[in-house]
């Protein structure tokens, strides 16, 4: 004869009852996001520390000598800023359209 698991209260039919489902909250989502960001930051730090060979970077007539990892990080940040600027421009465009049409959908 089987017995209910430790800590589980018996239900009406003698089996264990299920605990109520816990909904996700903003704080739990934030916790997951911060945890993922911390892991990515640690990996990024390892990448930069392993790529310390100096490279010469030429850009718009300027010249700089930087560690390889730092120059790649700066390139990635510059690319992310370009993408963010284009995304912000698209959001502004959509908000203007919604404001002009009064929130109506285009049925064409």
N, C-alpha and C. Protein backbone atom coordinates (compact mmCIF):
# COMPACT_ATOMS: atom_id res chain seq x y z
N UNK A 1 0.84 -1.18 0.00
CA UNK A 1 0.00 0.00 0.00
C UNK A 1 0.88 1.24 0.00
N UNK A 2 0.56 2.20 -0.87
CA UNK A 2 1.40 3.40 -0.96
C UNK A 2 0.91 4.44 0.02
N UNK A 3 1.85 5.22 0.52
CA UNK A 3 1.52 6.30 1.44
C UNK A 3 1.80 7.62 0.76
N UNK A 4 1.09 8.68 1.17
CA UNK A 4 1.36 9.98 0.56
C UNK A 4 2.78 10.44 0.85
N UNK A 5 3.31 11.25 -0.06
CA UNK A 5 4.68 11.77 0.12
C UNK A 5 4.73 12.60 1.38
N UNK A 6 5.93 12.67 1.94
CA UNK A 6 6.10 13.46 3.16
C UNK A 6 5.73 14.90 2.91
N UNK A 7 5.00 15.50 3.80
CA UNK A 7 4.64 16.90 3.70
C UNK A 7 3.38 17.13 2.87
N UNK A 8 2.85 16.09 2.20
CA UNK A 8 1.65 16.26 1.40
C UNK A 8 0.45 15.84 2.23
N UNK A 9 -0.54 16.69 2.29
CA UNK A 9 -1.75 16.39 3.04
C UNK A 9 -2.63 15.49 2.20
N UNK A 10 -3.26 14.49 2.83
CA UNK A 10 -4.13 13.62 2.04
C UNK A 10 -5.38 14.36 1.57
N UNK A 11 -5.81 14.07 0.34
CA UNK A 11 -7.01 14.70 -0.20
C UNK A 11 -8.24 13.91 0.19
N UNK A 12 -9.36 14.24 -0.44
CA UNK A 12 -10.63 13.59 -0.12
C UNK A 12 -10.59 12.12 -0.48
N UNK A 13 -9.86 11.73 -1.55
CA UNK A 13 -9.81 10.33 -1.96
C UNK A 13 -8.60 9.60 -1.37
N UNK A 14 -7.91 10.23 -0.44
CA UNK A 14 -6.78 9.60 0.22
C UNK A 14 -5.45 9.91 -0.43
N UNK A 15 -5.46 10.48 -1.67
CA UNK A 15 -4.21 10.82 -2.35
C UNK A 15 -3.74 12.21 -1.94
N UNK A 16 -2.52 12.55 -2.30
CA UNK A 16 -2.02 13.88 -1.95
C UNK A 16 -2.76 14.97 -2.71
N UNK A 17 -2.94 16.11 -2.08
CA UNK A 17 -3.60 17.23 -2.75
C UNK A 17 -2.54 18.08 -3.44
N UNK A 18 -2.94 18.75 -4.47
CA UNK A 18 -2.01 19.64 -5.18
C UNK A 18 -1.99 20.99 -4.49
N UNK A 19 -0.80 21.56 -4.44
CA UNK A 19 -0.71 22.90 -3.86
C UNK A 19 -1.24 23.90 -4.88
N UNK A 20 -1.77 25.02 -4.42
CA UNK A 20 -2.32 25.99 -5.36
C UNK A 20 -1.23 26.55 -6.27
N UNK A 21 -1.61 26.82 -7.53
CA UNK A 21 -0.64 27.34 -8.49
C UNK A 21 -0.28 28.78 -8.11
N UNK A 22 1.01 29.06 -8.12
CA UNK A 22 1.49 30.40 -7.79
C UNK A 22 1.72 31.16 -9.09
N UNK A 23 1.09 32.31 -9.22
CA UNK A 23 1.24 33.12 -10.43
C UNK A 23 2.59 33.80 -10.45
N UNK A 24 3.08 34.05 -11.66
CA UNK A 24 4.32 34.79 -11.82
C UNK A 24 4.06 36.26 -11.53
N UNK A 25 5.07 36.89 -10.96
CA UNK A 25 4.94 38.32 -10.64
C UNK A 25 6.02 39.10 -11.36
N UNK A 26 5.91 40.40 -11.31
CA UNK A 26 6.93 41.25 -11.92
C UNK A 26 8.27 41.07 -11.23
N UNK A 27 8.23 40.91 -9.92
CA UNK A 27 9.47 40.74 -9.16
C UNK A 27 10.16 39.44 -9.55
N UNK A 28 9.39 38.36 -9.76
CA UNK A 28 10.02 37.10 -10.16
C UNK A 28 10.62 37.23 -11.55
N UNK A 29 9.95 37.94 -12.44
CA UNK A 29 10.51 38.18 -13.77
C UNK A 29 11.78 39.02 -13.69
N UNK A 30 11.77 40.02 -12.81
CA UNK A 30 12.94 40.86 -12.61
C UNK A 30 14.10 40.04 -12.07
N UNK A 31 13.81 39.13 -11.14
CA UNK A 31 14.84 38.28 -10.55
C UNK A 31 15.48 37.41 -11.63
N UNK A 32 14.68 36.83 -12.50
CA UNK A 32 15.21 36.00 -13.58
C UNK A 32 16.05 36.86 -14.52
N UNK A 33 15.57 38.05 -14.86
CA UNK A 33 16.32 38.93 -15.74
C UNK A 33 17.66 39.35 -15.16
N UNK A 34 17.67 39.68 -13.89
CA UNK A 34 18.92 40.08 -13.24
C UNK A 34 19.88 38.89 -13.17
N UNK A 35 19.37 37.71 -12.91
CA UNK A 35 20.22 36.52 -12.86
C UNK A 35 20.85 36.23 -14.22
N UNK A 36 20.07 36.31 -15.27
CA UNK A 36 20.59 36.08 -16.62
C UNK A 36 21.61 37.16 -16.97
N UNK A 37 21.32 38.41 -16.63
CA UNK A 37 22.26 39.51 -16.90
C UNK A 37 23.57 39.31 -16.15
N UNK A 38 23.52 38.84 -14.93
CA UNK A 38 24.74 38.61 -14.15
C UNK A 38 25.60 37.52 -14.79
N UNK A 39 24.98 36.45 -15.28
CA UNK A 39 25.73 35.39 -15.94
C UNK A 39 26.36 35.91 -17.23
N UNK A 40 25.60 36.67 -18.01
CA UNK A 40 26.13 37.23 -19.26
C UNK A 40 27.27 38.21 -18.98
N UNK A 41 27.14 39.00 -17.93
CA UNK A 41 28.21 39.94 -17.56
C UNK A 41 29.48 39.19 -17.16
N UNK A 42 29.33 38.10 -16.43
CA UNK A 42 30.50 37.31 -16.05
C UNK A 42 31.18 36.72 -17.28
N UNK A 43 30.39 36.21 -18.23
CA UNK A 43 30.96 35.67 -19.46
C UNK A 43 31.65 36.77 -20.27
N UNK A 44 31.06 37.95 -20.31
CA UNK A 44 31.67 39.08 -21.01
C UNK A 44 32.98 39.49 -20.37
N UNK A 45 33.02 39.50 -19.07
CA UNK A 45 34.24 39.85 -18.35
C UNK A 45 35.36 38.83 -18.65
N UNK A 46 35.01 37.55 -18.67
CA UNK A 46 35.99 36.52 -19.00
C UNK A 46 36.51 36.73 -20.42
N UNK A 47 35.60 37.04 -21.35
CA UNK A 47 36.00 37.28 -22.74
C UNK A 47 36.98 38.44 -22.84
N UNK A 48 36.68 39.54 -22.18
CA UNK A 48 37.55 40.72 -22.23
C UNK A 48 38.91 40.42 -21.59
N UNK A 49 38.90 39.72 -20.47
CA UNK A 49 40.17 39.42 -19.79
C UNK A 49 41.04 38.44 -20.58
N UNK A 50 40.43 37.60 -21.41
CA UNK A 50 41.21 36.65 -22.20
C UNK A 50 41.69 37.24 -23.52
N UNK A 51 41.15 38.39 -23.92
CA UNK A 51 41.52 39.03 -25.19
C UNK A 51 42.13 40.39 -24.92
N UNK A 52 43.33 40.39 -24.34
CA UNK A 52 43.97 41.65 -23.95
C UNK A 52 45.06 42.07 -24.93
N UNK A 53 45.23 41.35 -26.03
CA UNK A 53 46.25 41.74 -27.00
C UNK A 53 45.88 43.10 -27.61
N UNK A 54 46.83 44.03 -27.68
CA UNK A 54 46.50 45.36 -28.21
C UNK A 54 46.29 45.32 -29.73
N UNK A 55 45.31 46.08 -30.18
CA UNK A 55 45.04 46.24 -31.61
C UNK A 55 44.93 47.73 -31.90
N UNK A 56 45.27 48.11 -33.12
CA UNK A 56 45.13 49.50 -33.53
C UNK A 56 43.83 49.65 -34.29
N UNK A 57 43.01 50.59 -33.86
CA UNK A 57 41.71 50.82 -34.47
C UNK A 57 41.76 52.17 -35.17
N UNK A 58 41.34 52.20 -36.44
CA UNK A 58 41.26 53.44 -37.21
C UNK A 58 39.79 53.74 -37.46
N UNK A 59 39.34 54.95 -37.10
CA UNK A 59 37.94 55.32 -37.32
C UNK A 59 37.83 56.81 -37.54
N UNK A 60 37.30 57.20 -38.69
CA UNK A 60 37.08 58.61 -39.05
C UNK A 60 38.32 59.46 -38.83
N UNK A 61 39.44 58.98 -39.29
CA UNK A 61 40.68 59.75 -39.20
C UNK A 61 41.38 59.68 -37.85
N UNK A 62 40.77 59.02 -36.89
CA UNK A 62 41.44 58.88 -35.59
C UNK A 62 42.06 57.49 -35.50
N UNK A 63 42.97 57.36 -34.59
CA UNK A 63 43.68 56.10 -34.42
C UNK A 63 43.84 55.85 -32.92
N UNK A 64 43.51 54.64 -32.49
CA UNK A 64 43.64 54.31 -31.07
C UNK A 64 44.14 52.89 -30.93
N UNK A 65 44.89 52.66 -29.88
CA UNK A 65 45.36 51.32 -29.57
C UNK A 65 44.60 50.85 -28.32
N UNK A 66 43.82 49.79 -28.49
CA UNK A 66 42.99 49.26 -27.41
C UNK A 66 43.18 47.75 -27.31
N UNK A 67 42.88 47.18 -26.15
CA UNK A 67 42.83 45.72 -26.08
C UNK A 67 41.72 45.19 -27.00
N UNK A 68 41.94 44.04 -27.59
CA UNK A 68 40.97 43.47 -28.54
C UNK A 68 39.58 43.32 -27.93
N UNK A 69 39.50 42.78 -26.71
CA UNK A 69 38.20 42.58 -26.06
C UNK A 69 37.46 43.89 -25.86
N UNK A 70 38.16 44.94 -25.47
CA UNK A 70 37.53 46.25 -25.25
C UNK A 70 37.04 46.83 -26.56
N UNK A 71 37.85 46.71 -27.63
CA UNK A 71 37.43 47.26 -28.91
C UNK A 71 36.20 46.52 -29.45
N UNK A 72 36.14 45.21 -29.25
CA UNK A 72 34.95 44.46 -29.68
C UNK A 72 33.73 44.84 -28.85
N UNK A 73 33.93 45.05 -27.55
CA UNK A 73 32.82 45.48 -26.69
C UNK A 73 32.30 46.85 -27.14
N UNK A 74 33.21 47.78 -27.43
CA UNK A 74 32.78 49.10 -27.89
C UNK A 74 32.03 49.02 -29.22
N UNK A 75 32.46 48.14 -30.10
CA UNK A 75 31.77 47.94 -31.37
C UNK A 75 30.36 47.41 -31.14
N UNK A 76 30.22 46.45 -30.23
CA UNK A 76 28.90 45.88 -29.94
C UNK A 76 27.98 46.92 -29.31
N UNK A 77 28.51 47.76 -28.42
CA UNK A 77 27.71 48.81 -27.79
C UNK A 77 27.26 49.82 -28.84
N UNK A 78 28.17 50.19 -29.75
CA UNK A 78 27.81 51.13 -30.82
C UNK A 78 26.70 50.54 -31.70
N UNK A 79 26.81 49.27 -32.03
CA UNK A 79 25.76 48.61 -32.82
C UNK A 79 24.43 48.58 -32.09
N UNK A 80 24.46 48.30 -30.79
CA UNK A 80 23.23 48.28 -30.00
C UNK A 80 22.59 49.66 -29.94
N UNK A 81 23.41 50.71 -29.85
CA UNK A 81 22.87 52.08 -29.84
C UNK A 81 22.21 52.42 -31.16
N UNK A 82 22.79 51.98 -32.28
CA UNK A 82 22.17 52.22 -33.59
C UNK A 82 20.82 51.51 -33.66
N UNK A 83 20.76 50.26 -33.23
CA UNK A 83 19.50 49.51 -33.24
C UNK A 83 18.47 50.17 -32.33
N UNK A 84 18.89 50.64 -31.15
CA UNK A 84 17.97 51.30 -30.22
C UNK A 84 17.44 52.60 -30.83
N UNK A 85 18.29 53.35 -31.50
CA UNK A 85 17.84 54.61 -32.13
C UNK A 85 16.83 54.33 -33.23
N UNK A 86 17.07 53.31 -34.05
CA UNK A 86 16.12 52.96 -35.10
C UNK A 86 14.80 52.46 -34.50
N UNK A 87 14.88 51.67 -33.43
CA UNK A 87 13.67 51.19 -32.77
C UNK A 87 12.88 52.34 -32.16
N UNK A 88 13.56 53.31 -31.56
CA UNK A 88 12.88 54.47 -30.98
C UNK A 88 12.20 55.29 -32.07
N UNK A 89 12.85 55.45 -33.21
CA UNK A 89 12.24 56.18 -34.32
C UNK A 89 10.97 55.47 -34.80
N UNK A 90 10.99 54.15 -34.86
CA UNK A 90 9.81 53.39 -35.28
C UNK A 90 8.68 53.52 -34.26
N UNK A 91 9.00 53.50 -32.99
CA UNK A 91 7.98 53.66 -31.95
C UNK A 91 7.33 55.03 -32.05
N UNK A 92 8.14 56.07 -32.26
CA UNK A 92 7.59 57.43 -32.42
C UNK A 92 6.69 57.47 -33.64
N UNK A 93 7.10 56.85 -34.73
CA UNK A 93 6.29 56.82 -35.93
C UNK A 93 4.94 56.13 -35.67
N UNK A 94 4.95 55.00 -34.99
CA UNK A 94 3.70 54.29 -34.69
C UNK A 94 2.80 55.09 -33.75
N UNK A 95 3.38 55.77 -32.77
CA UNK A 95 2.57 56.58 -31.85
C UNK A 95 1.90 57.73 -32.58
N UNK A 96 2.61 58.36 -33.51
CA UNK A 96 2.01 59.44 -34.30
C UNK A 96 0.86 58.92 -35.13
N UNK A 97 1.04 57.75 -35.72
CA UNK A 97 -0.02 57.15 -36.53
C UNK A 97 -1.25 56.86 -35.68
N UNK A 98 -1.05 56.30 -34.50
CA UNK A 98 -2.17 55.99 -33.62
C UNK A 98 -2.87 57.27 -33.17
N UNK A 99 -2.10 58.29 -32.84
CA UNK A 99 -2.68 59.56 -32.41
C UNK A 99 -3.49 60.19 -33.54
N UNK A 100 -2.97 60.12 -34.78
CA UNK A 100 -3.66 60.70 -35.93
C UNK A 100 -4.95 59.98 -36.25
N UNK A 101 -4.96 58.66 -36.15
CA UNK A 101 -6.14 57.89 -36.50
C UNK A 101 -7.09 57.71 -35.32
N UNK A 102 -6.71 58.18 -34.17
CA UNK A 102 -7.57 58.04 -33.00
C UNK A 102 -7.65 56.62 -32.48
N UNK A 103 -6.66 55.81 -32.80
CA UNK A 103 -6.64 54.43 -32.30
C UNK A 103 -7.38 53.47 -33.20
N UNK A 104 -7.97 53.95 -34.30
CA UNK A 104 -8.68 53.05 -35.22
C UNK A 104 -7.68 52.22 -36.00
N UNK A 105 -8.08 51.01 -36.31
CA UNK A 105 -7.22 50.14 -37.11
C UNK A 105 -7.49 50.39 -38.59
N UNK A 106 -6.43 50.28 -39.37
CA UNK A 106 -6.57 50.42 -40.81
C UNK A 106 -7.13 49.11 -41.36
N UNK A 107 -8.28 49.15 -42.03
CA UNK A 107 -8.95 47.93 -42.50
C UNK A 107 -8.67 47.65 -43.96
N UNK A 108 -7.67 48.24 -44.55
CA UNK A 108 -7.36 48.00 -45.96
C UNK A 108 -6.82 46.63 -46.18
